[in-house]
Amino acid sequence: MRITVLLFIVCLAGCTKDVRQAPPAVPEVIYVEQVLYVPIDPSLTKRCTVAMGPLEQIPQVARDRRKQLETCNAQLEAIESIQGTLVKDSQ
């Protein structure tokens, strides 16, 4: 009986592991660029109306349409001037 207990203890002693852990890895710092674009003013994306009128008012309607077209083109030029530009870094 003593021999079996002794053999059992010897077997268990042989099963132990030599646990050696590697030192923990130092985390690597990763910088991620955050790209921010300039927001476009909602007044620039407002839809343009089209002047309508009876045949007797054709000259006035034509002048109104030209004025609306120039306004619409000015809005598009303002959008094109800021579209795709980056926000200045505040740091």
C-alpha atoms as a PDB file:
ATOM      1  CA  MET A   1       0.000   0.000   0.000  1.00  0.00           C
ATOM      2  CA  ARG A   2       2.815   2.371   0.855  1.00  0.00           C
ATOM      3  CA  ILE A   3       4.500   1.609  -2.434  1.00  0.00           C
ATOM      4  CA  THR A   4       1.396   2.489  -4.479  1.00  0.00           C
ATOM      5  CA  VAL A   5       0.984   5.773  -2.621  1.00  0.00           C
ATOM      6  CA  LEU A   6       4.673   6.503  -3.133  1.00  0.00           C
ATOM      7  CA  LEU A   7       4.422   5.670  -6.867  1.00  0.00           C
ATOM      8  CA  PHE A   8       1.320   7.846  -7.140  1.00  0.00           C
ATOM      9  CA  ILE A   9       3.130  10.810  -5.559  1.00  0.00           C
ATOM     10  CA  VAL A  10       6.179  10.295  -7.802  1.00  0.00           C
ATOM     11  CA  CYS A  11       3.932  10.185 -10.872  1.00  0.00           C
ATOM     12  CA  LEU A  12       2.177  13.368  -9.833  1.00  0.00           C
ATOM     13  CA  ALA A  13       5.509  15.076  -9.170  1.00  0.00           C
ATOM     14  CA  GLY A  14       6.638  14.210 -12.692  1.00  0.00           C
ATOM     15  CA  CYS A  15       3.518  15.825 -14.173  1.00  0.00           C
ATOM     16  CA  THR A  16       4.250  19.324 -12.946  1.00  0.00           C
ATOM     17  CA  LYS A  17       5.008  21.898 -15.583  1.00  0.00           C
ATOM     18  CA  ASP A  18       7.744  24.423 -15.505  1.00  0.00           C
ATOM     19  CA  VAL A  19       5.582  27.438 -16.348  1.00  0.00           C
ATOM     20  CA  ARG A  20       7.721  30.266 -17.620  1.00  0.00           C
ATOM     21  CA  GLN A  21       5.757  33.087 -19.151  1.00  0.00           C
ATOM     22  CA  ALA A  22       7.207  35.510 -21.615  1.00  0.00           C
ATOM     23  CA  PRO A  23       7.234  39.122 -20.472  1.00  0.00           C
ATOM     24  CA  PRO A  24       4.090  40.946 -21.548  1.00  0.00           C
ATOM     25  CA  ALA A  25       4.357  42.684 -24.886  1.00  0.00           C
ATOM     26  CA  VAL A  26       4.462  46.447 -24.877  1.00  0.00           C
ATOM     27  CA  PRO A  27       1.414  47.761 -26.740  1.00  0.00           C
ATOM     28  CA  GLU A  28       2.144  49.672 -29.915  1.00  0.00           C
ATOM     29  CA  VAL A  29       0.625  53.126 -30.189  1.00  0.00           C
ATOM     30  CA  ILE A  30      -1.248  53.610 -33.447  1.00  0.00           C
ATOM     31  CA  TYR A  31      -2.275  57.077 -34.555  1.00  0.00           C
ATOM     32  CA  VAL A  32      -5.412  57.268 -36.682  1.00  0.00           C
ATOM     33  CA  GLU A  33      -6.071  60.412 -38.661  1.00  0.00           C
ATOM     34  CA  GLN A  34      -9.609  61.663 -38.429  1.00  0.00           C
ATOM     35  CA  VAL A  35     -10.638  63.581 -41.508  1.00  0.00           C
ATOM     36  CA  LEU A  36     -13.288  66.265 -41.031  1.00  0.00           C
ATOM     37  CA  TYR A  37     -14.747  68.162 -43.940  1.00  0.00           C
ATOM     38  CA  VAL A  38     -16.266  71.614 -43.894  1.00  0.00           C
ATOM     39  CA  PRO A  39     -20.043  71.407 -43.596  1.00  0.00           C
ATOM     40  CA  ILE A  40     -22.019  73.048 -46.383  1.00  0.00           C
ATOM     41  CA  ASP A  41     -24.456  75.721 -45.295  1.00  0.00           C
ATOM     42  CA  PRO A  42     -28.081  74.560 -45.789  1.00  0.00           C
ATOM     43  CA  SER A  43     -28.972  77.890 -47.406  1.00  0.00           C
ATOM     44  CA  LEU A  44     -26.631  76.964 -50.287  1.00  0.00           C
ATOM     45  CA  THR A  45     -28.459  73.696 -50.952  1.00  0.00           C
ATOM     46  CA  LYS A  46     -31.905  75.272 -51.030  1.00  0.00           C
ATOM     47  CA  ARG A  47     -33.837  74.474 -54.214  1.00  0.00           C
ATOM     48  CA  CYS A  48     -34.312  77.227 -56.805  1.00  0.00           C
ATOM     49  CA  THR A  49     -37.810  78.085 -57.975  1.00  0.00           C
ATOM     50  CA  VAL A  50     -38.756  78.595 -61.590  1.00  0.00           C
ATOM     51  CA  ALA A  51     -40.668  81.750 -62.596  1.00  0.00           C
ATOM     52  CA  MET A  52     -43.908  81.094 -64.431  1.00  0.00           C
ATOM     53  CA  GLY A  53     -46.422  83.472 -65.951  1.00  0.00           C
ATOM     54  CA  PRO A  54     -48.881  84.109 -68.762  1.00  0.00           C
ATOM     55  CA  LEU A  55     -47.773  84.929 -72.310  1.00  0.00           C
ATOM     56  CA  GLU A  56     -48.390  88.643 -71.791  1.00  0.00           C
ATOM     57  CA  GLN A  57     -45.635  88.744 -69.157  1.00  0.00           C
ATOM     58  CA  ILE A  58     -42.941  86.916 -71.159  1.00  0.00           C
ATOM     59  CA  PRO A  59     -40.278  89.669 -70.794  1.00  0.00           C
ATOM     60  CA  GLN A  60     -40.755  89.878 -67.019  1.00  0.00           C
ATOM     61  CA  VAL A  61     -40.778  86.062 -66.639  1.00  0.00           C
ATOM     62  CA  ALA A  62     -37.562  85.832 -68.678  1.00  0.00           C
ATOM     63  CA  ARG A  63     -35.876  88.432 -66.427  1.00  0.00           C
ATOM     64  CA  ASP A  64     -37.049  86.552 -63.311  1.00  0.00           C
ATOM     65  CA  ARG A  65     -35.756  83.238 -64.666  1.00  0.00           C
ATOM     66  CA  ARG A  66     -32.382  84.760 -65.484  1.00  0.00           C
ATOM     67  CA  LYS A  67     -32.153  86.217 -61.968  1.00  0.00           C
ATOM     68  CA  GLN A  68     -33.036  82.822 -60.454  1.00  0.00           C
ATOM     69  CA  LEU A  69     -30.491  81.066 -62.666  1.00  0.00           C
ATOM     70  CA  GLU A  70     -27.748  83.483 -61.606  1.00  0.00           C
ATOM     71  CA  THR A  71     -28.665  82.965 -57.937  1.00  0.00           C
ATOM     72  CA  CYS A  72     -28.593  79.200 -58.366  1.00  0.00           C
ATOM     73  CA  ASN A  73     -25.220  79.328 -60.140  1.00  0.00           C
ATOM     74  CA  ALA A  74     -23.814  81.542 -57.373  1.00  0.00           C
ATOM     75  CA  GLN A  75     -24.911  78.947 -54.813  1.00  0.00           C
ATOM     76  CA  LEU A  76     -23.239  76.170 -56.801  1.00  0.00           C
ATOM     77  CA  GLU A  77     -20.012  78.179 -57.059  1.00  0.00           C
ATOM     78  CA  ALA A  78     -20.036  78.734 -53.287  1.00  0.00           C
ATOM     79  CA  ILE A  79     -20.505  74.999 -52.739  1.00  0.00           C
ATOM     80  CA  GLU A  80     -17.700  74.146 -55.178  1.00  0.00           C
ATOM     81  CA  SER A  81     -15.340  76.541 -53.406  1.00  0.00           C
ATOM     82  CA  ILE A  82     -15.688  74.755 -50.046  1.00  0.00           C
ATOM     83  CA  GLN A  83     -16.505  71.206 -51.114  1.00  0.00           C
ATOM     84  CA  GLY A  84     -13.794  68.723 -50.192  1.00  0.00           C
ATOM     85  CA  THR A  85     -11.768  71.134 -48.062  1.00  0.00           C
ATOM     86  CA  LEU A  86     -10.590  69.933 -44.666  1.00  0.00           C
ATOM     87  CA  VAL A  87     -11.502  71.525 -41.374  1.00  0.00           C
ATOM     88  CA  LYS A  88      -8.521  73.316 -39.831  1.00  0.00           C
ATOM     89  CA  ASP A  89      -6.939  71.362 -36.983  1.00  0.00           C
ATOM     90  CA  SER A  90      -7.840  73.063 -33.693  1.00  0.00           C
ATOM     91  CA  GLN A  91      -4.718  71.815 -31.852  1.00  0.00           C
END
